C-alpha atoms as a PDB file:
ATOM      1  CA  MET A   1     122.118 -10.931 -49.043  1.00  0.00           C
ATOM      2  CA  SER A   2     125.506 -11.212 -47.391  1.00  0.00           C
ATOM      3  CA  GLN A   3     124.911 -14.176 -45.578  1.00  0.00           C
ATOM      4  CA  GLU A   4     123.494 -15.932 -48.079  1.00  0.00           C
ATOM      5  CA  LYS A   5     126.797 -15.633 -50.379  1.00  0.00           C
ATOM      6  CA  VAL A   6     129.001 -16.513 -47.300  1.00  0.00           C
ATOM      7  CA  ASP A   7     126.391 -19.635 -46.115  1.00  0.00           C
ATOM      8  CA  LYS A   8     126.104 -20.716 -49.585  1.00  0.00           C
ATOM      9  CA  TYR A   9     130.813 -20.907 -49.709  1.00  0.00           C
ATOM     10  CA  LYS A  10     130.552 -21.997 -46.597  1.00  0.00           C
ATOM     11  CA  GLN A  11     128.237 -25.201 -48.168  1.00  0.00           C
ATOM     12  CA  GLU A  12     130.223 -25.123 -51.156  1.00  0.00           C
ATOM     13  CA  LYS A  13     133.657 -25.561 -49.189  1.00  0.00           C
ATOM     14  CA  ALA A  14     132.051 -28.453 -46.667  1.00  0.00           C
ATOM     15  CA  ASN A  15     131.358 -30.310 -50.105  1.00  0.00           C
ATOM     16  CA  ARG A  16     134.088 -29.204 -52.449  1.00  0.00           C
ATOM     17  CA  LYS A  17     136.301 -33.042 -51.597  1.00  0.00           C
ATOM     18  CA  GLN A  18     133.085 -34.756 -52.436  1.00  0.00           C
ATOM     19  CA  ASN A  19     132.645 -32.649 -55.731  1.00  0.00           C
ATOM     20  CA  MET A  20     135.814 -32.402 -57.038  1.00  0.00           C
ATOM     21  CA  LYS A  21     135.690 -36.612 -56.735  1.00  0.00           C
ATOM     22  CA  LYS A  22     132.874 -36.391 -59.091  1.00  0.00           C
ATOM     23  CA  GLU A  23     134.347 -34.598 -61.644  1.00  0.00           C
ATOM     24  CA  LYS A  24     137.304 -36.204 -61.526  1.00  0.00           C
ATOM     25  CA  VAL A  25     135.069 -39.547 -62.699  1.00  0.00           C
ATOM     26  CA  LYS A  26     133.134 -37.288 -64.857  1.00  0.00           C
ATOM     27  CA  GLN A  27     136.141 -36.358 -66.898  1.00  0.00           C
ATOM     28  CA  LEU A  28     138.182 -39.870 -66.598  1.00  0.00           C
ATOM     29  CA  PHE A  29     134.716 -41.080 -67.728  1.00  0.00           C
ATOM     30  CA  ARG A  30     134.883 -38.767 -70.961  1.00  0.00           C
ATOM     31  CA  ARG A  31     138.478 -39.692 -71.694  1.00  0.00           C
ATOM     32  CA  ALA A  32     137.451 -43.677 -71.256  1.00  0.00           C
ATOM     33  CA  VAL A  33     134.445 -42.679 -74.232  1.00  0.00           C
ATOM     34  CA  VAL A  34     136.724 -41.060 -76.277  1.00  0.00           C
ATOM     35  CA  GLY A  35     139.451 -43.248 -76.029  1.00  0.00           C
ATOM     36  CA  ILE A  36     137.216 -46.414 -76.840  1.00  0.00           C
ATOM     37  CA  LEU A  37     135.418 -44.096 -79.749  1.00  0.00           C
ATOM     38  CA  GLY A  38     138.780 -42.852 -81.407  1.00  0.00           C
ATOM     39  CA  LEU A  39     140.429 -46.775 -81.069  1.00  0.00           C
ATOM     40  CA  ALA A  40     137.295 -48.171 -82.827  1.00  0.00           C
ATOM     41  CA  LEU A  41     138.121 -45.617 -85.363  1.00  0.00           C
ATOM     42  CA  VAL A  42     141.189 -46.233 -86.150  1.00  0.00           C
ATOM     43  CA  VAL A  43     140.268 -50.227 -86.010  1.00  0.00           C
ATOM     44  CA  TRP A  44     137.082 -49.522 -88.738  1.00  0.00           C
ATOM     45  CA  LEU A  45     139.972 -47.931 -91.256  1.00  0.00           C
ATOM     46  CA  GLY A  46     142.215 -50.694 -90.822  1.00  0.00           C
ATOM     47  CA  TYR A  47     139.508 -52.850 -91.651  1.00  0.00           C
ATOM     48  CA  SER A  48     138.639 -51.251 -94.258  1.00  0.00           C
ATOM     49  CA  GLY A  49     141.731 -50.526 -95.931  1.00  0.00           C
ATOM     50  CA  TYR A  50     142.927 -53.701 -95.843  1.00  0.00           C
ATOM     51  CA  ASN A  51     139.312 -54.959 -97.194  1.00  0.00           C
ATOM     52  CA  LEU A  52     139.873 -52.399-100.236  1.00  0.00           C
ATOM     53  CA  TYR A  53     144.048 -53.446-100.784  1.00  0.00           C
ATOM     54  CA  ASP A  54     142.959 -57.493-100.654  1.00  0.00           C
ATOM     55  CA  SER A  55     139.821 -56.725-103.247  1.00  0.00           C
ATOM     56  CA  SER A  56     142.052 -55.214-105.863  1.00  0.00           C
ATOM     57  CA  ARG A  57     144.455 -58.225-105.451  1.00  0.00           C
ATOM     58  CA  PRO A  58     144.193 -60.991-108.177  1.00  0.00           C
ATOM     59  CA  LYS A  59     142.324 -63.505-106.471  1.00  0.00           C
ATOM     60  CA  GLN A  60     144.701 -67.253-106.649  1.00  0.00           C
ATOM     61  CA  THR A  61     142.621 -70.096-107.745  1.00  0.00           C
ATOM     62  CA  ALA A  62     143.638 -73.909-107.435  1.00  0.00           C
ATOM     63  CA  GLN A  63     142.458 -76.569-110.049  1.00  0.00           C
ATOM     64  CA  VAL A  64     142.202 -79.618-109.165  1.00  0.00           C
ATOM     65  CA  ASP A  65     143.008 -83.091-111.756  1.00  0.00           C
ATOM     66  CA  TYR A  66     140.688 -85.883-110.508  1.00  0.00           C
ATOM     67  CA  THR A  67     141.196 -88.015-113.607  1.00  0.00           C
ATOM     68  CA  ALA A  68     143.137 -90.077-110.984  1.00  0.00           C
ATOM     69  CA  ILE A  69     140.234 -90.646-109.052  1.00  0.00           C
ATOM     70  CA  THR A  70     137.994 -91.348-111.807  1.00  0.00           C
ATOM     71  CA  GLU A  71     140.062 -93.551-113.436  1.00  0.00           C
ATOM     72  CA  TYR A  72     140.570 -95.006-109.699  1.00  0.00           C
ATOM     73  CA  GLN A  73     136.851 -95.859-109.019  1.00  0.00           C
ATOM     74  CA  SER A  74     136.202 -97.178-112.893  1.00  0.00           C
ATOM     75  CA  HIS A  75     138.792 -99.743-111.762  1.00  0.00           C
ATOM     76  CA  LEU A  76     137.005-100.667-108.706  1.00  0.00           C
ATOM     77  CA  ALA A  77     133.725-101.145-110.360  1.00  0.00           C
ATOM     78  CA  ALA A  78     134.588-102.972-113.390  1.00  0.00           C
ATOM     79  CA  PRO A  79     135.152-106.611-111.512  1.00  0.00           C
ATOM     80  CA  ALA A  80     131.854-105.894-109.899  1.00  0.00           C
ATOM     81  CA  ALA A  81     130.268-105.683-113.398  1.00  0.00           C
ATOM     82  CA  GLU A  82     131.885-108.914-114.141  1.00  0.00           C
END
């Protein structure tokens, strides 16, 4: 049994650099995923908040006066009718 422990330790020691690289990559991947999810949450909250703020504001409306265009069209149509 003691020889099994020694063999296991030697094998672990031989693969230590590879295992540490794998752990670092996993940790970096986890941090990246958490960062992206956090950023997405912040953007979503900001967008929702802005929409809520914008929907509570009164909408600006513009009225267009088409009387000048109508008069101009009727003026153009009058000589053609004669």
